[in-house]
């Protein structure tokens, strides 16, 4: 599950809202994100940074 706060280096906080804006077509074929109802109430999940050289994300 994707959790923005983890990628930003933040822990569990309240009072913050994020927005996701598609800059290209968002379809199942392109791997669009699925929203999970009430997932904002879940705790921060453990994440493992991979730092893969073939991944555009700085944290893998």
PDB file of N, CA and C in Angstrom:
ATOM      1  N   UNK A   1       0.849  -1.177   0.000  1.00  0.00           N
ATOM      2  CA  UNK A   1       0.000   0.000   0.000  1.00  0.00           C
ATOM      3  C   UNK A   1       0.895   1.240   0.000  1.00  0.00           C
ATOM      4  N   UNK A   2       0.567   2.199  -0.814  1.00  0.00           N
ATOM      5  CA  UNK A   2       1.315   3.447  -0.901  1.00  0.00           C
ATOM      6  C   UNK A   2       0.870   4.396   0.213  1.00  0.00           C
ATOM      7  N   UNK A   3       1.814   4.939   0.944  1.00  0.00           N
ATOM      8  CA  UNK A   3       1.513   5.913   1.997  1.00  0.00           C
ATOM      9  C   UNK A   3       2.440   7.107   1.810  1.00  0.00           C
ATOM     10  N   UNK A   4       1.896   8.250   1.417  1.00  0.00           N
ATOM     11  CA  UNK A   4       2.697   9.438   1.132  1.00  0.00           C
ATOM     12  C   UNK A   4       3.593   9.854   2.287  1.00  0.00           C
ATOM     13  N   UNK A   5       3.088   9.794   3.513  1.00  0.00           N
ATOM     14  CA  UNK A   5       3.869  10.273   4.661  1.00  0.00           C
ATOM     15  C   UNK A   5       5.198   9.543   4.784  1.00  0.00           C
ATOM     16  N   UNK A   6       5.208   8.252   4.454  1.00  0.00           N
ATOM     17  CA  UNK A   6       6.448   7.487   4.530  1.00  0.00           C
ATOM     18  C   UNK A   6       7.461   8.006   3.521  1.00  0.00           C
ATOM     19  N   UNK A   7       7.019   8.286   2.299  1.00  0.00           N
ATOM     20  CA  UNK A   7       7.929   8.772   1.263  1.00  0.00           C
ATOM     21  C   UNK A   7       8.445  10.174   1.583  1.00  0.00           C
ATOM     22  N   UNK A   8       7.705  10.934   2.336  1.00  0.00           N
ATOM     23  CA  UNK A   8       8.124  12.284   2.711  1.00  0.00           C
ATOM     24  C   UNK A   8       8.965  12.286   3.980  1.00  0.00           C
ATOM     25  N   UNK A   9       9.165  11.115   4.585  1.00  0.00           N
ATOM     26  CA  UNK A   9       9.970  11.036   5.797  1.00  0.00           C
ATOM     27  C   UNK A   9       9.226  11.466   7.048  1.00  0.00           C
ATOM     28  N   UNK A  10       7.906  11.438   7.016  1.00  0.00           N
ATOM     29  CA  UNK A  10       7.098  11.839   8.169  1.00  0.00           C
ATOM     30  C   UNK A  10       6.488  10.621   8.836  1.00  0.00           C
ATOM     31  N   UNK A  11       6.190  10.744  10.111  1.00  0.00           N
ATOM     32  CA  UNK A  11       5.500   9.690  10.839  1.00  0.00           C
ATOM     33  C   UNK A  11       4.010   9.968  10.858  1.00  0.00           C
ATOM     34  N   UNK A  12       3.309   9.327  11.753  1.00  0.00           N
ATOM     35  CA  UNK A  12       1.861   9.503  11.879  1.00  0.00           C
ATOM     36  C   UNK A  12       1.557  10.920  12.374  1.00  0.00           C
ATOM     37  N   UNK A  13       0.791  11.657  11.614  1.00  0.00           N
ATOM     38  CA  UNK A  13       0.374  13.002  11.995  1.00  0.00           C
ATOM     39  C   UNK A  13      -1.089  13.176  11.620  1.00  0.00           C
ATOM     40  N   UNK A  14      -1.717  14.194  12.153  1.00  0.00           N
ATOM     41  CA  UNK A  14      -3.094  14.486  11.788  1.00  0.00           C
ATOM     42  C   UNK A  14      -3.159  15.902  11.228  1.00  0.00           C
ATOM     43  N   UNK A  15      -4.205  16.190  10.507  1.00  0.00           N
ATOM     44  CA  UNK A  15      -4.401  17.536   9.995  1.00  0.00           C
ATOM     45  C   UNK A  15      -3.713  17.805   8.672  1.00  0.00           C
ATOM     46  N   UNK A  16      -3.293  16.766   7.946  1.00  0.00           N
ATOM     47  CA  UNK A  16      -2.650  16.970   6.660  1.00  0.00           C
ATOM     48  C   UNK A  16      -3.466  16.267   5.578  1.00  0.00           C
ATOM     49  N   UNK A  17      -3.621  16.936   4.458  1.00  0.00           N
ATOM     50  CA  UNK A  17      -4.341  16.377   3.322  1.00  0.00           C
ATOM     51  C   UNK A  17      -3.405  16.377   2.127  1.00  0.00           C
ATOM     52  N   UNK A  18      -3.403  15.296   1.362  1.00  0.00           N
ATOM     53  CA  UNK A  18      -2.618  15.240   0.134  1.00  0.00           C
ATOM     54  C   UNK A  18      -3.564  15.075  -1.044  1.00  0.00           C
ATOM     55  N   UNK A  19      -3.082  15.420  -2.213  1.00  0.00           N
ATOM     56  CA  UNK A  19      -3.884  15.268  -3.427  1.00  0.00           C
ATOM     57  C   UNK A  19      -3.034  14.597  -4.491  1.00  0.00           C
ATOM     58  N   UNK A  20      -3.631  13.703  -5.232  1.00  0.00           N
ATOM     59  CA  UNK A  20      -2.966  13.027  -6.326  1.00  0.00           C
ATOM     60  C   UNK A  20      -3.605  13.517  -7.613  1.00  0.00           C
ATOM     61  N   UNK A  21      -2.776  14.034  -8.520  1.00  0.00           N
ATOM     62  CA  UNK A  21      -3.268  14.570  -9.783  1.00  0.00           C
ATOM     63  C   UNK A  21      -2.591  13.812 -10.920  1.00  0.00           C
ATOM     64  N   UNK A  22      -3.375  13.199 -11.785  1.00  0.00           N
ATOM     65  CA  UNK A  22      -2.818  12.462 -12.926  1.00  0.00           C
ATOM     66  C   UNK A  22      -2.372  13.451 -13.998  1.00  0.00           C
ATOM     67  N   UNK A  23      -1.116  13.350 -14.426  1.00  0.00           N
ATOM     68  CA  UNK A  23      -0.590  14.200 -15.483  1.00  0.00           C
ATOM     69  C   UNK A  23      -0.660  13.519 -16.849  1.00  0.00           C
ATOM     70  N   UNK A  24      -1.079  12.277 -16.846  1.00  0.00           N
ATOM     71  CA  UNK A  24      -1.296  11.515 -18.073  1.00  0.00           C
ATOM     72  C   UNK A  24      -2.511  10.627 -17.837  1.00  0.00           C
ATOM     73  N   UNK A  25      -3.030   9.978 -18.879  1.00  0.00           N
ATOM     74  CA  UNK A  25      -4.218   9.144 -18.683  1.00  0.00           C
ATOM     75  C   UNK A  25      -4.015   8.099 -17.577  1.00  0.00           C
ATOM     76  N   UNK A  26      -4.974   8.006 -16.696  1.00  0.00           N
ATOM     77  CA  UNK A  26      -4.926   7.060 -15.595  1.00  0.00           C
ATOM     78  C   UNK A  26      -5.927   5.943 -15.867  1.00  0.00           C
ATOM     79  N   UNK A  27      -5.415   4.835 -16.348  1.00  0.00           N
ATOM     80  CA  UNK A  27      -6.271   3.696 -16.711  1.00  0.00           C
ATOM     81  C   UNK A  27      -5.723   2.428 -16.049  1.00  0.00           C
ATOM     82  N   UNK A  28      -6.524   1.384 -15.960  1.00  0.00           N
ATOM     83  CA  UNK A  28      -5.998   0.118 -15.423  1.00  0.00           C
ATOM     84  C   UNK A  28      -4.782  -0.376 -16.207  1.00  0.00           C
ATOM     85  N   UNK A  29      -4.757  -0.143 -17.525  1.00  0.00           N
ATOM     86  CA  UNK A  29      -3.624  -0.594 -18.342  1.00  0.00           C
ATOM     87  C   UNK A  29      -2.334   0.135 -17.982  1.00  0.00           C
ATOM     88  N   UNK A  30      -2.437   1.381 -17.516  1.00  0.00           N
ATOM     89  CA  UNK A  30      -1.233   2.136 -17.158  1.00  0.00           C
ATOM     90  C   UNK A  30      -0.872   1.979 -15.678  1.00  0.00           C
ATOM     91  N   UNK A  31      -1.629   1.187 -14.945  1.00  0.00           N
ATOM     92  CA  UNK A  31      -1.323   0.927 -13.541  1.00  0.00           C
ATOM     93  C   UNK A  31      -1.819   2.008 -12.606  1.00  0.00           C
ATOM     94  N   UNK A  32      -3.028   2.512 -12.832  1.00  0.00           N
ATOM     95  CA  UNK A  32      -3.554   3.595 -12.001  1.00  0.00           C
ATOM     96  C   UNK A  32      -3.678   3.154 -10.538  1.00  0.00           C
ATOM     97  N   UNK A  33      -3.699   4.119  -9.645  1.00  0.00           N
ATOM     98  CA  UNK A  33      -3.775   3.864  -8.214  1.00  0.00           C
ATOM     99  C   UNK A  33      -5.221   3.577  -7.808  1.00  0.00           C
ATOM    100  N   UNK A  34      -5.392   2.645  -6.905  1.00  0.00           N
ATOM    101  CA  UNK A  34      -6.711   2.314  -6.383  1.00  0.00           C
ATOM    102  C   UNK A  34      -6.807   2.867  -4.963  1.00  0.00           C
ATOM    103  N   UNK A  35      -7.891   3.562  -4.664  1.00  0.00           N
ATOM    104  CA  UNK A  35      -8.098   4.101  -3.324  1.00  0.00           C
ATOM    105  C   UNK A  35      -8.825   3.063  -2.470  1.00  0.00           C
ATOM    106  N   UNK A  36      -8.347   2.876  -1.267  1.00  0.00           N
ATOM    107  CA  UNK A  36      -8.930   1.903  -0.350  1.00  0.00           C
ATOM    108  C   UNK A  36      -9.716   2.661   0.713  1.00  0.00           C
ATOM    109  N   UNK A  37     -11.019   2.415   0.754  1.00  0.00           N
ATOM    110  CA  UNK A  37     -11.905   3.115   1.685  1.00  0.00           C
ATOM    111  C   UNK A  37     -11.404   3.001   3.125  1.00  0.00           C
ATOM    112  N   UNK A  38     -11.337   4.134   3.803  1.00  0.00           N
ATOM    113  CA  UNK A  38     -10.958   4.260   5.217  1.00  0.00           C
ATOM    114  C   UNK A  38      -9.510   3.864   5.494  1.00  0.00           C
ATOM    115  N   UNK A  39      -8.679   3.731   4.457  1.00  0.00           N
ATOM    116  CA  UNK A  39      -7.283   3.341   4.691  1.00  0.00           C
ATOM    117  C   UNK A  39      -6.503   4.421   5.431  1.00  0.00           C
ATOM    118  N   UNK A  40      -7.007   5.648   5.412  1.00  0.00           N
ATOM    119  CA  UNK A  40      -6.333   6.721   6.147  1.00  0.00           C
ATOM    120  C   UNK A  40      -6.375   6.492   7.658  1.00  0.00           C
ATOM    121  N   UNK A  41      -7.221   5.588   8.095  1.00  0.00           N
ATOM    122  CA  UNK A  41      -7.326   5.283   9.526  1.00  0.00           C
ATOM    123  C   UNK A  41      -6.339   4.201   9.958  1.00  0.00           C
ATOM    124  N   UNK A  42      -5.663   3.567   8.988  1.00  0.00           N
ATOM    125  CA  UNK A  42      -4.691   2.516   9.298  1.00  0.00           C
ATOM    126  C   UNK A  42      -3.395   3.125   9.808  1.00  0.00           C
ATOM    127  N   UNK A  43      -2.629   2.371  10.590  1.00  0.00           N
ATOM    128  CA  UNK A  43      -1.325   2.881  11.042  1.00  0.00           C
ATOM    129  C   UNK A  43      -0.341   2.923   9.871  1.00  0.00           C
ATOM    130  N   UNK A  44       0.769   3.657  10.066  1.00  0.00           N
ATOM    131  CA  UNK A  44       1.830   3.679   9.073  1.00  0.00           C
ATOM    132  C   UNK A  44       2.428   2.268   8.996  1.00  0.00           C
ATOM    133  N   UNK A  45       2.518   1.730   7.798  1.00  0.00           N
ATOM    134  CA  UNK A  45       3.057   0.389   7.608  1.00  0.00           C
ATOM    135  C   UNK A  45       4.573   0.436   7.492  1.00  0.00           C
ATOM    136  N   UNK A  46       5.259  -0.641   7.888  1.00  0.00           N
ATOM    137  CA  UNK A  46       6.707  -0.660   7.718  1.00  0.00           C
ATOM    138  C   UNK A  46       7.057  -0.687   6.232  1.00  0.00           C
ATOM    139  N   UNK A  47       8.047   0.096   5.831  1.00  0.00           N
ATOM    140  CA  UNK A  47       8.500   0.150   4.449  1.00  0.00           C
ATOM    141  C   UNK A  47       9.988  -0.150   4.405  1.00  0.00           C
ATOM    142  N   UNK A  48      10.424  -0.738   3.319  1.00  0.00           N
ATOM    143  CA  UNK A  48      11.843  -1.019   3.142  1.00  0.00           C
ATOM    144  C   UNK A  48      12.333  -0.301   1.895  1.00  0.00           C
ATOM    145  N   UNK A  49      13.320   0.573   2.054  1.00  0.00           N
ATOM    146  CA  UNK A  49      13.895   1.286   0.918  1.00  0.00           C
ATOM    147  C   UNK A  49      14.800   0.350   0.134  1.00  0.00           C
ATOM    148  N   UNK A  50      14.650   0.369  -1.190  1.00  0.00           N
ATOM    149  CA  UNK A  50      15.472  -0.526  -2.014  1.00  0.00           C
ATOM    150  C   UNK A  50      16.562   0.220  -2.770  1.00  0.00           C
ATOM    151  N   UNK A  51      16.369   1.503  -3.046  1.00  0.00           N
ATOM    152  CA  UNK A  51      17.333   2.312  -3.786  1.00  0.00           C
ATOM    153  C   UNK A  51      17.786   1.609  -5.068  1.00  0.00           C
ATOM    154  N   UNK A  52      16.843   1.054  -5.796  1.00  0.00           N
ATOM    155  CA  UNK A  52      17.132   0.350  -7.042  1.00  0.00           C
ATOM    156  C   UNK A  52      17.561   1.347  -8.121  1.00  0.00           C
ATOM    157  N   UNK A  53      18.685   1.103  -8.754  1.00  0.00           N
ATOM    158  CA  UNK A  53      19.209   1.999  -9.793  1.00  0.00           C
ATOM    159  C   UNK A  53      18.277   2.097 -10.997  1.00  0.00           C
ATOM    160  N   UNK A  54      17.404   1.122 -11.186  1.00  0.00           N
ATOM    161  CA  UNK A  54      16.478   1.115 -12.328  1.00  0.00           C
ATOM    162  C   UNK A  54      15.108   1.711 -11.982  1.00  0.00           C
ATOM    163  N   UNK A  55      14.975   2.299 -10.805  1.00  0.00           N
ATOM    164  CA  UNK A  55      13.701   2.872 -10.377  1.00  0.00           C
ATOM    165  C   UNK A  55      13.839   4.390 -10.350  1.00  0.00           C
ATOM    166  N   UNK A  56      12.872   5.107 -10.957  1.00  0.00           N
ATOM    167  CA  UNK A  56      12.922   6.555 -10.999  1.00  0.00           C
ATOM    168  C   UNK A  56      12.700   7.198  -9.632  1.00  0.00           C
ATOM    169  N   UNK A  57      12.066   6.485  -8.707  1.00  0.00           N
ATOM    170  CA  UNK A  57      11.841   7.012  -7.363  1.00  0.00           C
ATOM    171  C   UNK A  57      13.141   6.969  -6.576  1.00  0.00           C
ATOM    172  N   UNK A  58      13.456   8.043  -5.881  1.00  0.00           N
ATOM    173  CA  UNK A  58      14.732   8.106  -5.165  1.00  0.00           C
ATOM    174  C   UNK A  58      14.837   7.084  -4.035  1.00  0.00           C
ATOM    175  N   UNK A  59      13.701   6.617  -3.535  1.00  0.00           N
ATOM    176  CA  UNK A  59      13.717   5.660  -2.430  1.00  0.00           C
ATOM    177  C   UNK A  59      13.336   4.263  -2.869  1.00  0.00           C
ATOM    178  N   UNK A  60      13.330   4.014  -4.183  1.00  0.00           N
ATOM    179  CA  UNK A  60      12.991   2.678  -4.690  1.00  0.00           C
ATOM    180  C   UNK A  60      11.536   2.414  -4.584  1.00  0.00           C
TER     181      UNK A  60
END
